[in-house]
Structure formats: C-alpha cells, structure tokens
Amino acid sequence: MSGVEFNSDLLAALRDAKHIAILTGAGVSAESGVPTFRDALTGLWAKYDPMQLATPEAYARDPETVSRWYDQRRLNVLKCKPNPAHIALATWQRECAQRGQAFTLITQNVDRLHQAAGSADVIEVHGSLIEWRCTRTMQVREYRGGAFPQYPMPSEHGGLLRPNVVWFGEPLPEEAAYAAEHAAGFCDVFISIGTSALVYPAAGYVHLAKSSGAVTAEINRDPTPATDIVDYSMLGLAGEIVPALLVSLNATTRPR
C-alpha cells in the first residue's frame, strides 16, 4: 500500500479533528491469525456451531464444553501477535495525544491485541477472552497461563469461571457501551476498520456518528452494509491501509 493516495478532504478532516473515534472488528485481528467468530470450526470442534456455544443457555446446559472451547480460543489468542494495523493505531493514538487531539479506540475484538500493541484505554464492547469472571461474585481477573486444569474451572470464591465476553442475549457492559456511544456521538471523524457492520449495537455507531455530523469512513477487505453510508470507503487489508493512512496524515499535519 506504499504510495497509495488518500482523499485530501479526509486527510484534512483527520488533521483538523478535535476528536477521532475508531471502531475495529474481527477483520483487524484476522490478519494476526485470529479466526473470525463465524469461521468454520475445525478438528475436534468441527461438529459444533459457534452460535450455539456463545449463549448463557449453552453454558448453563453444558459448562464443560463451553468452557473448554473458550479456553482453547484464549490459548490460541495468546499465541498471536499484533499486526501492522494494531501497531499503527497505537502509534496514531500517541501522536494524537502529543497534538492535543482526542483519540478513542473502540473494539469488538476480545483478544487484547490492541493493548499488546500499546493502545491505551481501549473500549472493549464485547469483553475479553483473556478475562474470566466468577459466576458467584462477578469478580474478574486475567488468565494468561496455560490451559485450565479442569472444565468448568472453579473460581477461588466458590463459583465457576466463565469467559468475560458478551454472549448472544446479553447486554453490552454498561460502562463500555456508554463510552462507545458517547465517542461516536461527539467525535469529528469516525472510522470503522475490519468490521462486518452486521453486529449490533456496534454496527449502529457509524450511523450515530454520521447523524451527529461526523465525517465517516470505512476500511475493510470487502464491502459491507456501511459502505454506501460512509463518506469514504477504502477497500483492502487493514494492516496495509491503516499504516499508509497514518504516513499520509503525518505528511500533511500542520504544527499546532
């Protein structure tokens, strides 16, 4: 993507914005080797439908299978490394802070790769695979070690551990949902990166941003339902486009 030209009006909007909001989805993490949620399961899990494992009802019915699947996903994610898109977004955030611009990073991803790349204050609207929650006390902690010795895994407080992710039928974490909606509603530029624009309420953030007067853009490998809504659509890999966008932006940024 070196040498790619970006729309000058988009670059100007990013340069002059007081607040930039970014939403990332599974397409960003896929470039690090993290399977998207809807990818077909393989090996021992091939007979399972992920849509049938990611519900409170599934956990209540078969906590062993659900816990084992999510722990395998946790272990797989811990082997993955941030890609150029993650790194560029972390760099962009730091540069915005130096220029006095607000930069909000919202993610639907549950892998903590943004944080591994150096991003701060990431709003995780779907939770994290790295965190597990006690079903008795609701206390949350990170687990970065090896596989759990048993499934379901008892917590130290007498309950069971469940992944601290949002399952189908569950509301988004209240604090994260408020922060994401606030950012989308009050930013000057909103960019959706690597999202399918199908999963609500996150898919609605671009609509909220646009209706609030923000300049909107999308970076995605394939067209999505948001492609005809946003002001600027850039088709391609996030790991190529985001770093190139940052280079182009820095080339036009005026000292403040």
Protein backbone atom coordinates (compact mmCIF):
# COMPACT_ATOMS: atom_id res chain seq x y z
CA MET A 1 0.00 0.00 0.00
CA SER A 2 3.01 2.33 -0.10
CA GLY A 3 2.32 5.22 -2.44
CA VAL A 4 -1.45 4.94 -2.05
CA GLU A 5 -3.23 8.28 -2.30
CA PHE A 6 -5.96 9.13 0.17
CA ASN A 7 -8.72 11.66 -0.33
CA SER A 8 -7.39 15.09 0.61
CA ASP A 9 -10.67 16.07 2.28
CA LEU A 10 -10.47 13.00 4.55
CA LEU A 11 -6.88 13.83 5.45
CA ALA A 12 -7.88 17.42 6.20
CA ALA A 13 -10.75 16.26 8.40
CA LEU A 14 -8.42 13.95 10.33
CA ARG A 15 -5.78 16.65 10.63
CA ASP A 16 -8.22 19.23 11.98
CA ALA A 17 -10.39 16.94 14.12
CA LYS A 18 -10.62 17.59 17.82
CA HIS A 19 -11.80 14.03 18.41
CA ILE A 20 -11.19 10.93 16.28
CA ALA A 21 -13.08 7.71 17.05
CA ILE A 22 -12.08 4.32 15.65
CA LEU A 23 -14.10 1.10 15.71
CA THR A 24 -12.28 -2.16 14.96
CA GLY A 25 -13.67 -5.59 14.24
CA ALA A 26 -12.64 -9.14 13.50
CA GLY A 27 -11.03 -8.26 10.17
CA VAL A 28 -8.21 -6.50 12.01
CA SER A 29 -7.42 -9.48 14.24
CA ALA A 30 -7.79 -11.95 11.37
CA GLU A 31 -4.59 -10.51 9.94
CA SER A 32 -2.82 -11.67 13.11
CA GLY A 33 -4.12 -15.19 12.66
CA VAL A 34 -7.11 -14.91 14.99
CA PRO A 35 -10.04 -16.77 13.36
CA THR A 36 -13.17 -14.68 12.95
CA PHE A 37 -16.05 -15.84 15.11
CA ARG A 38 -18.02 -17.11 12.13
CA ASP A 39 -15.14 -19.11 10.64
CA ALA A 40 -15.90 -22.81 10.44
CA LEU A 41 -14.60 -24.71 13.44
CA THR A 42 -12.00 -27.36 12.77
CA GLY A 43 -10.62 -30.50 14.39
CA LEU A 44 -12.50 -31.70 17.45
CA TRP A 45 -14.78 -28.66 17.24
CA ALA A 46 -15.90 -29.18 13.63
CA LYS A 47 -19.27 -30.61 14.70
CA TYR A 48 -20.13 -27.54 16.80
CA ASP A 49 -21.85 -24.34 15.74
CA PRO A 50 -20.19 -21.35 17.45
CA MET A 51 -23.57 -19.61 17.50
CA GLN A 52 -24.79 -22.44 19.76
CA LEU A 53 -21.84 -22.22 22.14
CA ALA A 54 -21.89 -18.47 22.77
CA THR A 55 -25.02 -18.19 24.90
CA PRO A 56 -25.79 -18.21 28.62
CA GLU A 57 -28.15 -21.12 27.96
CA ALA A 58 -25.36 -23.19 26.42
CA TYR A 59 -23.14 -22.55 29.43
CA ALA A 60 -25.91 -23.46 31.86
CA ARG A 61 -26.64 -26.64 29.89
CA ASP A 62 -23.06 -27.75 29.26
CA PRO A 63 -20.48 -25.64 31.12
CA GLU A 64 -17.73 -28.17 30.45
CA THR A 65 -17.93 -27.95 26.66
CA VAL A 66 -18.42 -24.19 26.55
CA SER A 67 -15.56 -23.57 28.98
CA ARG A 68 -13.25 -25.91 27.11
CA TRP A 69 -13.99 -24.19 23.78
CA TYR A 70 -13.43 -20.70 25.16
CA ASP A 71 -10.26 -21.74 26.92
CA GLN A 72 -8.93 -23.12 23.64
CA ARG A 73 -9.75 -19.80 22.00
CA ARG A 74 -7.94 -18.00 24.84
CA LEU A 75 -4.84 -20.15 24.35
CA ASN A 76 -4.92 -19.59 20.58
CA VAL A 77 -5.20 -15.82 21.02
CA LEU A 78 -2.28 -15.72 23.44
CA LYS A 79 -0.07 -17.11 20.66
CA CYS A 80 -0.98 -14.28 18.28
CA LYS A 81 0.94 -11.04 17.85
CA PRO A 82 -0.23 -7.54 16.91
CA ASN A 83 -0.08 -6.80 13.19
CA PRO A 84 0.78 -3.51 11.44
CA ALA A 85 -2.80 -2.22 11.84
CA HIS A 86 -2.68 -2.69 15.63
CA ILE A 87 0.73 -1.03 15.79
CA ALA A 88 -0.30 1.89 13.57
CA LEU A 89 -3.39 2.56 15.68
CA ALA A 90 -1.31 2.59 18.87
CA THR A 91 1.15 4.99 17.24
CA TRP A 92 -1.69 7.17 15.98
CA GLN A 93 -3.14 7.39 19.47
CA ARG A 94 0.18 8.55 20.92
CA GLU A 95 0.66 11.11 18.17
CA CYS A 96 -2.85 12.47 18.69
CA ALA A 97 -2.10 12.90 22.40
CA GLN A 98 1.02 14.89 21.50
CA ARG A 99 -1.05 17.13 19.20
CA GLY A 100 -3.85 17.61 21.72
CA GLN A 101 -6.38 15.56 19.76
CA ALA A 102 -8.72 13.14 21.48
CA PHE A 103 -8.47 9.59 20.10
CA THR A 104 -10.95 6.91 21.15
CA LEU A 105 -10.39 3.29 20.18
CA ILE A 106 -13.47 1.06 20.36
CA THR A 107 -13.13 -2.64 19.56
CA GLN A 108 -15.45 -5.57 19.09
CA ASN A 109 -12.44 -7.87 19.37
CA VAL A 110 -11.86 -9.93 22.50
CA ASP A 111 -8.17 -10.74 22.03
CA ARG A 112 -6.39 -7.82 23.71
CA LEU A 113 -4.08 -7.37 20.69
CA HIS A 114 -4.67 -3.61 20.69
CA GLN A 115 -3.32 -3.42 24.22
CA ALA A 116 -0.41 -5.68 23.30
CA ALA A 117 0.47 -3.19 20.55
CA GLY A 118 0.47 -0.33 23.06
CA SER A 119 -3.01 1.18 22.74
CA ALA A 120 -4.39 2.65 25.95
CA ASP A 121 -7.91 2.99 27.32
CA VAL A 122 -9.37 0.62 24.72
CA ILE A 123 -13.15 0.33 24.94
CA GLU A 124 -13.95 -3.40 24.70
CA VAL A 125 -17.64 -3.57 23.89
CA HIS A 126 -17.65 -7.38 23.70
CA GLY A 127 -15.35 -8.07 26.65
CA SER A 128 -12.15 -10.13 26.55
CA LEU A 129 -11.19 -13.78 26.20
CA ILE A 130 -8.22 -13.14 28.47
CA GLU A 131 -10.53 -12.25 31.37
CA TRP A 132 -12.73 -14.75 33.19
CA ARG A 133 -15.48 -13.92 35.65
CA CYS A 134 -16.63 -15.71 38.78
CA THR A 135 -20.29 -16.63 38.41
CA ARG A 136 -20.77 -16.19 42.13
CA THR A 137 -19.05 -12.89 42.93
CA MET A 138 -18.77 -11.39 39.41
CA GLN A 139 -15.12 -10.63 40.14
CA VAL A 140 -12.95 -10.54 37.02
CA ARG A 141 -9.28 -11.36 36.53
CA GLU A 142 -6.90 -12.06 33.67
CA TYR A 143 -5.65 -15.56 32.93
CA ARG A 144 -2.54 -15.65 30.74
CA GLY A 145 -1.15 -19.02 31.75
CA GLY A 146 -1.67 -22.47 30.25
CA ALA A 147 -4.86 -24.45 29.88
CA PHE A 148 -7.17 -24.68 32.85
CA PRO A 149 -6.73 -27.98 34.74
CA GLN A 150 -10.45 -28.74 34.59
CA TYR A 151 -13.67 -27.62 32.90
CA PRO A 152 -15.59 -25.80 34.09
CA MET A 153 -12.92 -24.16 36.20
CA PRO A 154 -13.89 -23.39 39.82
CA SER A 155 -13.14 -19.86 40.98
CA GLU A 156 -11.34 -19.15 44.21
CA HIS A 157 -14.62 -17.78 45.57
CA GLY A 158 -16.66 -20.95 45.24
CA GLY A 159 -18.31 -20.22 41.92
CA LEU A 160 -17.41 -21.26 38.40
CA LEU A 161 -15.36 -19.25 35.91
CA ARG A 162 -16.90 -18.11 32.65
CA PRO A 163 -15.22 -16.04 29.93
CA ASN A 164 -15.77 -12.33 30.44
CA VAL A 165 -17.24 -11.89 26.98
CA VAL A 166 -20.66 -10.80 25.82
CA TRP A 167 -22.75 -13.79 24.79
CA PHE A 168 -25.75 -13.66 22.50
CA GLY A 169 -28.71 -12.45 24.50
CA GLU A 170 -26.57 -10.48 26.96
CA PRO A 171 -26.28 -6.67 27.10
CA LEU A 172 -23.02 -4.90 26.43
CA PRO A 173 -21.04 -3.88 29.53
CA GLU A 174 -22.76 -0.69 30.67
CA GLU A 175 -19.63 1.43 31.04
CA ALA A 176 -18.17 0.34 27.70
CA ALA A 177 -21.47 0.84 25.89
CA TYR A 178 -21.85 4.37 27.25
CA ALA A 179 -18.26 5.30 26.38
CA ALA A 180 -18.59 3.94 22.84
CA GLU A 181 -21.88 5.71 22.16
CA HIS A 182 -20.53 8.94 23.59
CA ALA A 183 -17.45 8.77 21.38
CA ALA A 184 -19.50 8.01 18.26
CA GLY A 185 -21.94 10.78 19.03
CA PHE A 186 -19.40 13.50 19.77
CA CYS A 187 -16.42 12.76 17.52
CA ASP A 188 -15.46 14.78 14.46
CA VAL A 189 -14.27 11.77 12.44
CA PHE A 190 -15.39 8.17 12.83
CA ILE A 191 -13.62 5.27 11.08
CA SER A 192 -14.83 1.68 11.04
CA ILE A 193 -11.98 -0.79 10.40
CA GLY A 194 -12.33 -4.50 9.67
CA THR A 195 -15.93 -4.82 10.77
CA SER A 196 -18.78 -6.65 9.07
CA ALA A 197 -21.19 -3.83 10.03
CA LEU A 198 -23.68 -6.58 10.88
CA VAL A 199 -23.40 -6.98 14.66
CA TYR A 200 -25.46 -4.50 16.65
CA PRO A 201 -25.31 -2.34 18.62
CA ALA A 202 -21.71 -1.74 17.44
CA ALA A 203 -22.83 -1.64 13.80
CA GLY A 204 -25.00 1.33 14.70
CA TYR A 205 -22.11 3.53 15.83
CA VAL A 206 -21.33 4.66 12.30
CA HIS A 207 -24.96 5.72 11.85
CA LEU A 208 -24.83 7.62 15.14
CA ALA A 209 -21.61 9.35 14.15
CA LYS A 210 -22.93 10.34 10.73
CA SER A 211 -26.24 11.62 12.11
CA SER A 212 -24.26 13.69 14.63
CA GLY A 213 -22.32 15.41 11.88
CA ALA A 214 -19.05 13.48 11.93
CA VAL A 215 -17.05 12.65 8.83
CA THR A 216 -17.29 8.87 8.44
CA ALA A 217 -15.01 6.35 6.76
CA GLU A 218 -14.63 2.61 6.41
CA ILE A 219 -11.57 0.40 5.90
CA ASN A 220 -12.46 -3.18 5.09
CA ARG A 221 -11.39 -6.02 2.81
CA ASP A 222 -14.89 -6.36 1.35
CA PRO A 223 -17.92 -4.07 1.01
CA THR A 224 -20.30 -4.06 3.97
CA PRO A 225 -23.75 -2.62 4.71
CA ALA A 226 -21.94 0.54 5.84
CA THR A 227 -20.07 1.04 2.56
CA ASP A 228 -22.85 3.09 0.96
CA ILE A 229 -23.41 5.06 4.16
CA VAL A 230 -19.93 6.35 4.97
CA ASP A 231 -18.34 9.38 3.33
CA TYR A 232 -15.18 7.48 2.39
CA SER A 233 -14.72 3.76 1.76
CA MET A 234 -11.27 2.19 1.42
CA LEU A 235 -11.23 -1.47 0.38
CA GLY A 236 -8.21 -3.53 1.37
CA LEU A 237 -6.37 -5.05 4.30
CA ALA A 238 -6.26 -3.01 7.49
CA GLY A 239 -2.61 -3.93 8.00
CA GLU A 240 -1.78 -2.19 4.74
CA ILE A 241 -4.21 0.71 4.65
CA VAL A 242 -4.02 1.98 8.25
CA PRO A 243 -0.20 2.39 8.33
CA ALA A 244 -0.30 4.06 4.89
CA LEU A 245 -3.07 6.39 6.06
CA LEU A 246 -1.02 7.39 9.09
CA VAL A 247 2.00 8.12 6.90
CA SER A 248 -0.10 10.28 4.57
CA LEU A 249 -1.71 12.06 7.51
CA ASN A 250 1.63 12.85 9.11
CA ALA A 251 2.86 14.25 5.80
CA THR A 252 0.01 16.80 5.85
CA THR A 253 -0.21 17.55 9.57
CA ARG A 254 0.47 21.13 10.43
CA PRO A 255 2.15 22.07 13.73
CA ARG A 256 -0.39 23.17 16.30
